[in-house]
């Protein structure tokens, strides 16, 4: 929990510097009120797409990583060399 709450960790900096700056309202016309709204925050989805493209990951790699650990240290990743 200590790493999760550390404001200097990459995931909190990414949230502050990137995800929180994504204006979800510009996506509102794409969804109907109540029915058809996304199941996840647009900020989370766009943030995941940014990480995926920045690292050159496939969709499968991204979702595997996200399901394994939200606090994964992405700068030290060598796991995907074997996928």
C-alpha atoms as a PDB file:
ATOM      1  CA  UNK A   1       0.000   0.000   0.000  1.00  0.00           C
ATOM      2  CA  UNK A   2       2.971   2.298   0.663  1.00  0.00           C
ATOM      3  CA  UNK A   3       4.038   2.226  -3.009  1.00  0.00           C
ATOM      4  CA  UNK A   4       0.471   2.805  -4.144  1.00  0.00           C
ATOM      5  CA  UNK A   5       0.166   5.996  -2.097  1.00  0.00           C
ATOM      6  CA  UNK A   6       3.627   7.405  -2.909  1.00  0.00           C
ATOM      7  CA  UNK A   7       3.033  10.595  -4.922  1.00  0.00           C
ATOM      8  CA  UNK A   8       6.443  10.266  -6.613  1.00  0.00           C
ATOM      9  CA  UNK A   9       5.819   6.783  -8.081  1.00  0.00           C
ATOM     10  CA  UNK A  10       5.291   6.581 -11.835  1.00  0.00           C
ATOM     11  CA  UNK A  11       1.644   5.517 -11.610  1.00  0.00           C
ATOM     12  CA  UNK A  12       0.672   8.557  -9.530  1.00  0.00           C
ATOM     13  CA  UNK A  13       2.695  10.892 -11.732  1.00  0.00           C
ATOM     14  CA  UNK A  14       1.045   9.378 -14.822  1.00  0.00           C
ATOM     15  CA  UNK A  15      -2.389   9.911 -13.247  1.00  0.00           C
ATOM     16  CA  UNK A  16      -1.610  13.524 -12.318  1.00  0.00           C
ATOM     17  CA  UNK A  17       0.307  14.563 -15.443  1.00  0.00           C
ATOM     18  CA  UNK A  18      -1.625  12.586 -18.087  1.00  0.00           C
ATOM     19  CA  UNK A  19      -4.848  10.874 -17.070  1.00  0.00           C
ATOM     20  CA  UNK A  20      -6.310  13.750 -15.063  1.00  0.00           C
ATOM     21  CA  UNK A  21      -5.805  16.074 -18.034  1.00  0.00           C
ATOM     22  CA  UNK A  22      -7.967  13.961 -20.360  1.00  0.00           C
ATOM     23  CA  UNK A  23     -11.271  15.758 -20.891  1.00  0.00           C
ATOM     24  CA  UNK A  24     -13.937  13.045 -20.772  1.00  0.00           C
ATOM     25  CA  UNK A  25     -16.629  15.490 -21.913  1.00  0.00           C
ATOM     26  CA  UNK A  26     -15.321  15.521 -25.487  1.00  0.00           C
ATOM     27  CA  UNK A  27     -16.242  11.815 -25.709  1.00  0.00           C
ATOM     28  CA  UNK A  28     -19.794  12.351 -24.381  1.00  0.00           C
ATOM     29  CA  UNK A  29     -21.410  12.627 -27.857  1.00  0.00           C
ATOM     30  CA  UNK A  30     -20.223   9.086 -28.605  1.00  0.00           C
ATOM     31  CA  UNK A  31     -22.429   7.579 -25.881  1.00  0.00           C
ATOM     32  CA  UNK A  32     -26.114   7.663 -25.030  1.00  0.00           C
ATOM     33  CA  UNK A  33     -27.069   8.674 -21.498  1.00  0.00           C
ATOM     34  CA  UNK A  34     -27.553   5.591 -19.371  1.00  0.00           C
ATOM     35  CA  UNK A  35     -27.368   3.057 -22.176  1.00  0.00           C
ATOM     36  CA  UNK A  36     -24.183   2.791 -24.179  1.00  0.00           C
ATOM     37  CA  UNK A  37     -21.912   4.520 -21.708  1.00  0.00           C
ATOM     38  CA  UNK A  38     -18.458   2.940 -21.324  1.00  0.00           C
ATOM     39  CA  UNK A  39     -17.943   0.473 -18.482  1.00  0.00           C
ATOM     40  CA  UNK A  40     -14.642   2.107 -17.533  1.00  0.00           C
ATOM     41  CA  UNK A  41     -13.560   5.694 -17.224  1.00  0.00           C
ATOM     42  CA  UNK A  42     -12.460   7.223 -20.527  1.00  0.00           C
ATOM     43  CA  UNK A  43      -9.391   8.488 -18.662  1.00  0.00           C
ATOM     44  CA  UNK A  44      -8.409   4.932 -17.741  1.00  0.00           C
ATOM     45  CA  UNK A  45      -9.015   3.618 -21.248  1.00  0.00           C
ATOM     46  CA  UNK A  46      -7.081   6.437 -22.940  1.00  0.00           C
ATOM     47  CA  UNK A  47      -4.296   6.136 -20.347  1.00  0.00           C
ATOM     48  CA  UNK A  48      -4.000   2.435 -21.096  1.00  0.00           C
ATOM     49  CA  UNK A  49      -3.835   3.185 -24.834  1.00  0.00           C
ATOM     50  CA  UNK A  50      -1.059   5.727 -24.228  1.00  0.00           C
ATOM     51  CA  UNK A  51       0.972   3.194 -22.221  1.00  0.00           C
ATOM     52  CA  UNK A  52       0.354   0.515 -24.850  1.00  0.00           C
ATOM     53  CA  UNK A  53       1.534   2.677 -27.741  1.00  0.00           C
ATOM     54  CA  UNK A  54       4.482   4.166 -25.830  1.00  0.00           C
ATOM     55  CA  UNK A  55       5.802   0.696 -24.988  1.00  0.00           C
ATOM     56  CA  UNK A  56       4.905  -0.974 -28.275  1.00  0.00           C
ATOM     57  CA  UNK A  57       2.738  -3.576 -26.544  1.00  0.00           C
ATOM     58  CA  UNK A  58       0.006  -5.648 -28.127  1.00  0.00           C
ATOM     59  CA  UNK A  59      -3.507  -5.570 -26.659  1.00  0.00           C
ATOM     60  CA  UNK A  60      -2.873  -8.977 -25.101  1.00  0.00           C
ATOM     61  CA  UNK A  61       0.321  -7.797 -23.438  1.00  0.00           C
ATOM     62  CA  UNK A  62      -1.362  -4.697 -22.030  1.00  0.00           C
ATOM     63  CA  UNK A  63      -4.321  -6.563 -20.569  1.00  0.00           C
ATOM     64  CA  UNK A  64      -2.110  -9.297 -19.166  1.00  0.00           C
ATOM     65  CA  UNK A  65       0.038  -6.705 -17.419  1.00  0.00           C
ATOM     66  CA  UNK A  66      -2.965  -4.801 -16.093  1.00  0.00           C
ATOM     67  CA  UNK A  67      -4.488  -7.979 -14.736  1.00  0.00           C
ATOM     68  CA  UNK A  68      -1.234  -9.058 -13.047  1.00  0.00           C
ATOM     69  CA  UNK A  69      -0.372  -5.957 -11.110  1.00  0.00           C
ATOM     70  CA  UNK A  70      -1.411  -2.315 -11.202  1.00  0.00           C
ATOM     71  CA  UNK A  71       1.853  -1.292  -9.547  1.00  0.00           C
ATOM     72  CA  UNK A  72       4.107  -3.019 -12.045  1.00  0.00           C
ATOM     73  CA  UNK A  73       7.388  -1.171 -12.575  1.00  0.00           C
ATOM     74  CA  UNK A  74       7.225  -0.686 -16.341  1.00  0.00           C
ATOM     75  CA  UNK A  75      10.767   0.628 -16.749  1.00  0.00           C
ATOM     76  CA  UNK A  76      12.277  -2.712 -15.731  1.00  0.00           C
ATOM     77  CA  UNK A  77      10.108  -4.928 -17.911  1.00  0.00           C
ATOM     78  CA  UNK A  78      11.693  -7.834 -19.750  1.00  0.00           C
ATOM     79  CA  UNK A  79       8.747 -10.209 -19.386  1.00  0.00           C
ATOM     80  CA  UNK A  80       7.312  -9.482 -22.835  1.00  0.00           C
ATOM     81  CA  UNK A  81      10.422 -10.547 -24.667  1.00  0.00           C
ATOM     82  CA  UNK A  82       9.156 -14.093 -24.146  1.00  0.00           C
ATOM     83  CA  UNK A  83       5.521 -13.645 -25.243  1.00  0.00           C
END
